[in-house]
Amino acid sequence: MSNPIENIKLLIGKNETPQQITQQLLSNTPNPIFNNLIKMAQSGDSKGVENFARNICKERGKDFDKEFSEFMSNFK
């Protein structure tokens, strides 16, 4: 199994953007549901990604709109 930190160092050394690094790290997962989510994000299917997030929040008993608002407040 490879070391994630070493993988990040290799990707940073290639002068890739944070988005490219994240996509490469996440695209190597064996989880088919997560792979589908990544494909939706890469293809610009924001509604599909939002529906996925809403379903995850609902399963965990959380309010998506409240959680998203709190998440976005970190970037102000």
PDB file of N, CA and C in Angstrom:
ATOM      1  N   MET A   1       0.853  -1.189   0.000  1.00  0.00           N
ATOM      2  CA  MET A   1       0.000   0.000   0.000  1.00  0.00           C
ATOM      3  C   MET A   1       0.887   1.235   0.000  1.00  0.00           C
ATOM      4  N   SER A   2       0.546   2.212  -0.814  1.00  0.00           N
ATOM      5  CA  SER A   2       1.380   3.398  -0.927  1.00  0.00           C
ATOM      6  C   SER A   2       1.066   4.396   0.181  1.00  0.00           C
ATOM      7  N   ASN A   3       2.065   5.212   0.457  1.00  0.00           N
ATOM      8  CA  ASN A   3       1.946   6.232   1.487  1.00  0.00           C
ATOM      9  C   ASN A   3       1.277   7.473   0.892  1.00  0.00           C
ATOM     10  N   PRO A   4       0.114   7.897   1.421  1.00  0.00           N
ATOM     11  CA  PRO A   4      -0.596   9.050   0.862  1.00  0.00           C
ATOM     12  C   PRO A   4       0.230  10.336   0.871  1.00  0.00           C
ATOM     13  N   ILE A   5       1.032  10.535   1.897  1.00  0.00           N
ATOM     14  CA  ILE A   5       1.853  11.750   1.984  1.00  0.00           C
ATOM     15  C   ILE A   5       2.884  11.768   0.862  1.00  0.00           C
ATOM     16  N   GLU A   6       3.482  10.620   0.589  1.00  0.00           N
ATOM     17  CA  GLU A   6       4.452  10.544  -0.506  1.00  0.00           C
ATOM     18  C   GLU A   6       3.770  10.811  -1.845  1.00  0.00           C
ATOM     19  N   ASN A   7       2.554  10.303  -2.013  1.00  0.00           N
ATOM     20  CA  ASN A   7       1.799  10.562  -3.243  1.00  0.00           C
ATOM     21  C   ASN A   7       1.550  12.060  -3.418  1.00  0.00           C
ATOM     22  N   ILE A   8       1.180  12.738  -2.346  1.00  0.00           N
ATOM     23  CA  ILE A   8       0.927  14.173  -2.404  1.00  0.00           C
ATOM     24  C   ILE A   8       2.211  14.921  -2.772  1.00  0.00           C
ATOM     25  N   LYS A   9       3.325  14.518  -2.152  1.00  0.00           N
ATOM     26  CA  LYS A   9       4.606  15.162  -2.468  1.00  0.00           C
ATOM     27  C   LYS A   9       4.947  15.004  -3.941  1.00  0.00           C
ATOM     28  N   LEU A  10       4.696  13.825  -4.500  1.00  0.00           N
ATOM     29  CA  LEU A  10       4.964  13.595  -5.916  1.00  0.00           C
ATOM     30  C   LEU A  10       4.088  14.480  -6.788  1.00  0.00           C
ATOM     31  N   LEU A  11       2.811  14.598  -6.440  1.00  0.00           N
ATOM     32  CA  LEU A  11       1.892  15.419  -7.229  1.00  0.00           C
ATOM     33  C   LEU A  11       2.236  16.902  -7.127  1.00  0.00           C
ATOM     34  N   ILE A  12       2.628  17.345  -5.946  1.00  0.00           N
ATOM     35  CA  ILE A  12       2.999  18.749  -5.770  1.00  0.00           C
ATOM     36  C   ILE A  12       4.244  19.057  -6.594  1.00  0.00           C
ATOM     37  N   GLY A  13       5.152  18.108  -6.657  1.00  0.00           N
ATOM     38  CA  GLY A  13       6.371  18.282  -7.441  1.00  0.00           C
ATOM     39  C   GLY A  13       6.105  18.433  -8.928  1.00  0.00           C
ATOM     40  N   LYS A  14       4.949  18.020  -9.385  1.00  0.00           N
ATOM     41  CA  LYS A  14       4.587  18.132 -10.803  1.00  0.00           C
ATOM     42  C   LYS A  14       3.928  19.479 -11.116  1.00  0.00           C
ATOM     43  N   ASN A  15       3.863  20.361 -10.118  1.00  0.00           N
ATOM     44  CA  ASN A  15       3.248  21.689 -10.281  1.00  0.00           C
ATOM     45  C   ASN A  15       1.789  21.603 -10.731  1.00  0.00           C
ATOM     46  N   GLU A  16       1.065  20.666 -10.188  1.00  0.00           N
ATOM     47  CA  GLU A  16      -0.359  20.549 -10.505  1.00  0.00           C
ATOM     48  C   GLU A  16      -1.154  21.431  -9.554  1.00  0.00           C
ATOM     49  N   THR A  17      -2.352  21.794  -9.990  1.00  0.00           N
ATOM     50  CA  THR A  17      -3.214  22.623  -9.153  1.00  0.00           C
ATOM     51  C   THR A  17      -3.781  21.784  -8.011  1.00  0.00           C
ATOM     52  N   PRO A  18      -4.235  22.427  -6.937  1.00  0.00           N
ATOM     53  CA  PRO A  18      -4.860  21.663  -5.850  1.00  0.00           C
ATOM     54  C   PRO A  18      -6.036  20.808  -6.344  1.00  0.00           C
ATOM     55  N   GLN A  19      -6.804  21.340  -7.300  1.00  0.00           N
ATOM     56  CA  GLN A  19      -7.930  20.579  -7.844  1.00  0.00           C
ATOM     57  C   GLN A  19      -7.430  19.319  -8.548  1.00  0.00           C
ATOM     58  N   GLN A  20      -6.371  19.430  -9.334  1.00  0.00           N
ATOM     59  CA  GLN A  20      -5.827  18.264 -10.027  1.00  0.00           C
ATOM     60  C   GLN A  20      -5.287  17.241  -9.034  1.00  0.00           C
ATOM     61  N   ILE A  21      -4.610  17.711  -7.998  1.00  0.00           N
ATOM     62  CA  ILE A  21      -4.065  16.816  -6.978  1.00  0.00           C
ATOM     63  C   ILE A  21      -5.192  16.077  -6.285  1.00  0.00           C
ATOM     64  N   THR A  22      -6.230  16.815  -5.899  1.00  0.00           N
ATOM     65  CA  THR A  22      -7.373  16.202  -5.210  1.00  0.00           C
ATOM     66  C   THR A  22      -8.051  15.174  -6.086  1.00  0.00           C
ATOM     67  N   GLN A  23      -8.272  15.503  -7.355  1.00  0.00           N
ATOM     68  CA  GLN A  23      -8.932  14.571  -8.263  1.00  0.00           C
ATOM     69  C   GLN A  23      -8.115  13.302  -8.436  1.00  0.00           C
ATOM     70  N   GLN A  24      -6.805  13.436  -8.536  1.00  0.00           N
ATOM     71  CA  GLN A  24      -5.975  12.249  -8.694  1.00  0.00           C
ATOM     72  C   GLN A  24      -6.003  11.383  -7.446  1.00  0.00           C
ATOM     73  N   LEU A  25      -5.934  12.014  -6.273  1.00  0.00           N
ATOM     74  CA  LEU A  25      -5.969  11.248  -5.026  1.00  0.00           C
ATOM     75  C   LEU A  25      -7.300  10.524  -4.858  1.00  0.00           C
ATOM     76  N   LEU A  26      -8.388  11.209  -5.187  1.00  0.00           N
ATOM     77  CA  LEU A  26      -9.712  10.636  -4.986  1.00  0.00           C
ATOM     78  C   LEU A  26     -10.091   9.625  -6.061  1.00  0.00           C
ATOM     79  N   SER A  27      -9.498   9.724  -7.226  1.00  0.00           N
ATOM     80  CA  SER A  27      -9.876   8.814  -8.309  1.00  0.00           C
ATOM     81  C   SER A  27      -9.290   7.420  -8.138  1.00  0.00           C
ATOM     82  N   ASN A  28      -8.432   7.238  -7.155  1.00  0.00           N
ATOM     83  CA  ASN A  28      -7.799   5.938  -6.945  1.00  0.00           C
ATOM     84  C   ASN A  28      -8.515   5.085  -5.902  1.00  0.00           C
ATOM     85  N   THR A  29      -9.729   5.419  -5.561  1.00  0.00           N
ATOM     86  CA  THR A  29     -10.460   4.661  -4.552  1.00  0.00           C
ATOM     87  C   THR A  29     -11.181   3.469  -5.182  1.00  0.00           C
ATOM     88  N   PRO A  30     -11.251   2.356  -4.466  1.00  0.00           N
ATOM     89  CA  PRO A  30     -11.962   1.191  -5.004  1.00  0.00           C
ATOM     90  C   PRO A  30     -13.478   1.259  -4.791  1.00  0.00           C
ATOM     91  N   ASN A  31     -13.974   2.322  -4.167  1.00  0.00           N
ATOM     92  CA  ASN A  31     -15.397   2.458  -3.868  1.00  0.00           C
ATOM     93  C   ASN A  31     -16.161   2.931  -5.109  1.00  0.00           C
ATOM     94  N   PRO A  32     -17.042   2.096  -5.687  1.00  0.00           N
ATOM     95  CA  PRO A  32     -17.747   2.485  -6.908  1.00  0.00           C
ATOM     96  C   PRO A  32     -18.691   3.672  -6.727  1.00  0.00           C
ATOM     97  N   ILE A  33     -19.284   3.817  -5.560  1.00  0.00           N
ATOM     98  CA  ILE A  33     -20.175   4.950  -5.310  1.00  0.00           C
ATOM     99  C   ILE A  33     -19.368   6.243  -5.308  1.00  0.00           C
ATOM    100  N   PHE A  34     -18.228   6.214  -4.661  1.00  0.00           N
ATOM    101  CA  PHE A  34     -17.370   7.389  -4.614  1.00  0.00           C
ATOM    102  C   PHE A  34     -16.819   7.710  -6.000  1.00  0.00           C
ATOM    103  N   ASN A  35     -16.461   6.680  -6.762  1.00  0.00           N
ATOM    104  CA  ASN A  35     -15.983   6.890  -8.128  1.00  0.00           C
ATOM    105  C   ASN A  35     -17.066   7.553  -8.977  1.00  0.00           C
ATOM    106  N   ASN A  36     -18.313   7.151  -8.797  1.00  0.00           N
ATOM    107  CA  ASN A  36     -19.416   7.772  -9.517  1.00  0.00           C
ATOM    108  C   ASN A  36     -19.550   9.245  -9.129  1.00  0.00           C
ATOM    109  N   LEU A  37     -19.386   9.548  -7.854  1.00  0.00           N
ATOM    110  CA  LEU A  37     -19.444  10.927  -7.377  1.00  0.00           C
ATOM    111  C   LEU A  37     -18.339  11.760  -8.034  1.00  0.00           C
ATOM    112  N   ILE A  38     -17.145  11.215  -8.109  1.00  0.00           N
ATOM    113  CA  ILE A  38     -16.021  11.918  -8.734  1.00  0.00           C
ATOM    114  C   ILE A  38     -16.319  12.189 -10.207  1.00  0.00           C
ATOM    115  N   LYS A  39     -16.878  11.199 -10.896  1.00  0.00           N
ATOM    116  CA  LYS A  39     -17.215  11.382 -12.321  1.00  0.00           C
ATOM    117  C   LYS A  39     -18.266  12.470 -12.492  1.00  0.00           C
ATOM    118  N   MET A  40     -19.250  12.516 -11.585  1.00  0.00           N
ATOM    119  CA  MET A  40     -20.265  13.567 -11.661  1.00  0.00           C
ATOM    120  C   MET A  40     -19.612  14.937 -11.497  1.00  0.00           C
ATOM    121  N   ALA A  41     -18.715  15.055 -10.531  1.00  0.00           N
ATOM    122  CA  ALA A  41     -18.043  16.335 -10.285  1.00  0.00           C
ATOM    123  C   ALA A  41     -17.188  16.734 -11.481  1.00  0.00           C
ATOM    124  N   GLN A  42     -16.460  15.789 -12.034  1.00  0.00           N
ATOM    125  CA  GLN A  42     -15.590  16.089 -13.177  1.00  0.00           C
ATOM    126  C   GLN A  42     -16.382  16.488 -14.419  1.00  0.00           C
ATOM    127  N   SER A  43     -17.571  15.938 -14.560  1.00  0.00           N
ATOM    128  CA  SER A  43     -18.377  16.263 -15.741  1.00  0.00           C
ATOM    129  C   SER A  43     -19.249  17.510 -15.534  1.00  0.00           C
ATOM    130  N   GLY A  44     -19.182  18.097 -14.338  1.00  0.00           N
ATOM    131  CA  GLY A  44     -19.936  19.314 -14.072  1.00  0.00           C
ATOM    132  C   GLY A  44     -21.372  19.078 -13.650  1.00  0.00           C
ATOM    133  N   ASP A  45     -21.696  17.848 -13.231  1.00  0.00           N
ATOM    134  CA  ASP A  45     -23.054  17.514 -12.802  1.00  0.00           C
ATOM    135  C   ASP A  45     -23.263  17.965 -11.358  1.00  0.00           C
ATOM    136  N   SER A  46     -23.383  19.276 -11.157  1.00  0.00           N
ATOM    137  CA  SER A  46     -23.504  19.815  -9.803  1.00  0.00           C
ATOM    138  C   SER A  46     -24.796  19.375  -9.123  1.00  0.00           C
ATOM    139  N   LYS A  47     -25.862  19.187  -9.897  1.00  0.00           N
ATOM    140  CA  LYS A  47     -27.131  18.723  -9.306  1.00  0.00           C
ATOM    141  C   LYS A  47     -26.972  17.300  -8.770  1.00  0.00           C
ATOM    142  N   GLY A  48     -26.269  16.459  -9.505  1.00  0.00           N
ATOM    143  CA  GLY A  48     -26.026  15.082  -9.056  1.00  0.00           C
ATOM    144  C   GLY A  48     -25.201  15.054  -7.779  1.00  0.00           C
ATOM    145  N   VAL A  49     -24.166  15.903  -7.716  1.00  0.00           N
ATOM    146  CA  VAL A  49     -23.320  15.980  -6.523  1.00  0.00           C
ATOM    147  C   VAL A  49     -24.139  16.497  -5.342  1.00  0.00           C
ATOM    148  N   GLU A  50     -24.964  17.519  -5.603  1.00  0.00           N
ATOM    149  CA  GLU A  50     -25.802  18.057  -4.525  1.00  0.00           C
ATOM    150  C   GLU A  50     -26.783  17.010  -4.016  1.00  0.00           C
ATOM    151  N   ASN A  51     -27.413  16.274  -4.917  1.00  0.00           N
ATOM    152  CA  ASN A  51     -28.346  15.221  -4.498  1.00  0.00           C
ATOM    153  C   ASN A  51     -27.635  14.159  -3.666  1.00  0.00           C
ATOM    154  N   PHE A  52     -26.425  13.809  -4.071  1.00  0.00           N
ATOM    155  CA  PHE A  52     -25.623  12.850  -3.299  1.00  0.00           C
ATOM    156  C   PHE A  52     -25.406  13.378  -1.883  1.00  0.00           C
ATOM    157  N   ALA A  53     -24.966  14.645  -1.784  1.00  0.00           N
ATOM    158  CA  ALA A  53     -24.700  15.251  -0.476  1.00  0.00           C
ATOM    159  C   ALA A  53     -25.972  15.339   0.367  1.00  0.00           C
ATOM    160  N   ARG A  54     -27.085  15.713  -0.268  1.00  0.00           N
ATOM    161  CA  ARG A  54     -28.351  15.785   0.466  1.00  0.00           C
ATOM    162  C   ARG A  54     -28.745  14.414   1.020  1.00  0.00           C
ATOM    163  N   ASN A  55     -28.555  13.370   0.226  1.00  0.00           N
ATOM    164  CA  ASN A  55     -28.890  12.017   0.678  1.00  0.00           C
ATOM    165  C   ASN A  55     -28.005  11.572   1.839  1.00  0.00           C
ATOM    166  N   ILE A  56     -26.711  11.881   1.758  1.00  0.00           N
ATOM    167  CA  ILE A  56     -25.799  11.529   2.854  1.00  0.00           C
ATOM    168  C   ILE A  56     -26.228  12.242   4.132  1.00  0.00           C
ATOM    169  N   CYS A  57     -26.530  13.533   4.022  1.00  0.00           N
ATOM    170  CA  CYS A  57     -26.974  14.284   5.209  1.00  0.00           C
ATOM    171  C   CYS A  57     -28.260  13.699   5.774  1.00  0.00           C
ATOM    172  N   LYS A  58     -29.191  13.372   4.897  1.00  0.00           N
ATOM    173  CA  LYS A  58     -30.477  12.813   5.340  1.00  0.00           C
ATOM    174  C   LYS A  58     -30.259  11.490   6.074  1.00  0.00           C
ATOM    175  N   GLU A  59     -29.383  10.631   5.531  1.00  0.00           N
ATOM    176  CA  GLU A  59     -29.091   9.346   6.174  1.00  0.00           C
ATOM    177  C   GLU A  59     -28.503   9.534   7.561  1.00  0.00           C
ATOM    178  N   ARG A  60     -27.762  10.620   7.748  1.00  0.00           N
ATOM    179  CA  ARG A  60     -27.095  10.872   9.026  1.00  0.00           C
ATOM    180  C   ARG A  60     -27.894  11.788   9.943  1.00  0.00           C
ATOM    181  N   GLY A  61     -29.119  12.115   9.520  1.00  0.00           N
ATOM    182  CA  GLY A  61     -29.991  12.942  10.360  1.00  0.00           C
ATOM    183  C   GLY A  61     -29.560  14.397  10.431  1.00  0.00           C
ATOM    184  N   LYS A  62     -28.900  14.883   9.384  1.00  0.00           N
ATOM    185  CA  LYS A  62     -28.442  16.271   9.372  1.00  0.00           C
ATOM    186  C   LYS A  62     -29.187  17.052   8.308  1.00  0.00           C
ATOM    187  N   ASP A  63     -29.261  18.361   8.509  1.00  0.00           N
ATOM    188  CA  ASP A  63     -29.909  19.256   7.563  1.00  0.00           C
ATOM    189  C   ASP A  63     -28.860  19.769   6.578  1.00  0.00           C
ATOM    190  N   PHE A  64     -29.000  19.406   5.306  1.00  0.00           N
ATOM    191  CA  PHE A  64     -28.021  19.777   4.289  1.00  0.00           C
ATOM    192  C   PHE A  64     -27.814  21.283   4.222  1.00  0.00           C
ATOM    193  N   ASP A  65     -28.896  22.041   4.171  1.00  0.00           N
ATOM    194  CA  ASP A  65     -28.783  23.484   4.011  1.00  0.00           C
ATOM    195  C   ASP A  65     -28.016  24.121   5.168  1.00  0.00           C
ATOM    196  N   LYS A  66     -28.279  23.665   6.379  1.00  0.00           N
ATOM    197  CA  LYS A  66     -27.570  24.181   7.552  1.00  0.00           C
ATOM    198  C   LYS A  66     -26.099  23.790   7.483  1.00  0.00           C
ATOM    199  N   GLU A  67     -25.815  22.529   7.177  1.00  0.00           N
ATOM    200  CA  GLU A  67     -24.436  22.057   7.105  1.00  0.00           C
ATOM    201  C   GLU A  67     -23.660  22.784   6.008  1.00  0.00           C
ATOM    202  N   PHE A  68     -24.301  22.991   4.863  1.00  0.00           N
ATOM    203  CA  PHE A  68     -23.639  23.668   3.751  1.00  0.00           C
ATOM    204  C   PHE A  68     -23.350  25.120   4.102  1.00  0.00           C
ATOM    205  N   SER A  69     -24.296  25.765   4.769  1.00  0.00           N
ATOM    206  CA  SER A  69     -24.110  27.150   5.194  1.00  0.00           C
ATOM    207  C   SER A  69     -22.926  27.262   6.155  1.00  0.00           C
ATOM    208  N   GLU A  70     -22.834  26.334   7.099  1.00  0.00           N
ATOM    209  CA  GLU A  70     -21.712  26.334   8.042  1.00  0.00           C
ATOM    210  C   GLU A  70     -20.390  26.089   7.319  1.00  0.00           C
ATOM    211  N   PHE A  71     -20.405  25.172   6.343  1.00  0.00           N
ATOM    212  CA  PHE A  71     -19.212  24.879   5.550  1.00  0.00           C
ATOM    213  C   PHE A  71     -18.763  26.134   4.802  1.00  0.00           C
ATOM    214  N   MET A  72     -19.682  26.810   4.145  1.00  0.00           N
ATOM    215  CA  MET A  72     -19.355  27.989   3.358  1.00  0.00           C
ATOM    216  C   MET A  72     -18.871  29.145   4.227  1.00  0.00           C
ATOM    217  N   SER A  73     -19.307  29.195   5.473  1.00  0.00           N
ATOM    218  CA  SER A  73     -18.884  30.283   6.353  1.00  0.00           C
ATOM    219  C   SER A  73     -17.377  30.213   6.634  1.00  0.00           C
ATOM    220  N   ASN A  74     -16.766  29.060   6.385  1.00  0.00           N
ATOM    221  CA  ASN A  74     -15.315  28.926   6.570  1.00  0.00           C
ATOM    222  C   ASN A  74     -14.522  29.660   5.499  1.00  0.00           C
ATOM    223  N   PHE A  75     -15.177  30.069   4.426  1.00  0.00           N
ATOM    224  CA  PHE A  75     -14.490  30.688   3.295  1.00  0.00           C
ATOM    225  C   PHE A  75     -14.739  32.180   3.173  1.00  0.00           C
ATOM    226  N   LYS A  76     -15.358  32.771   4.174  1.00  0.00           N
ATOM    227  CA  LYS A  76     -15.646  34.210   4.138  1.00  0.00           C
ATOM    228  C   LYS A  76     -14.546  34.994   4.810  1.00  0.00           C
TER     229      LYS A  76
END
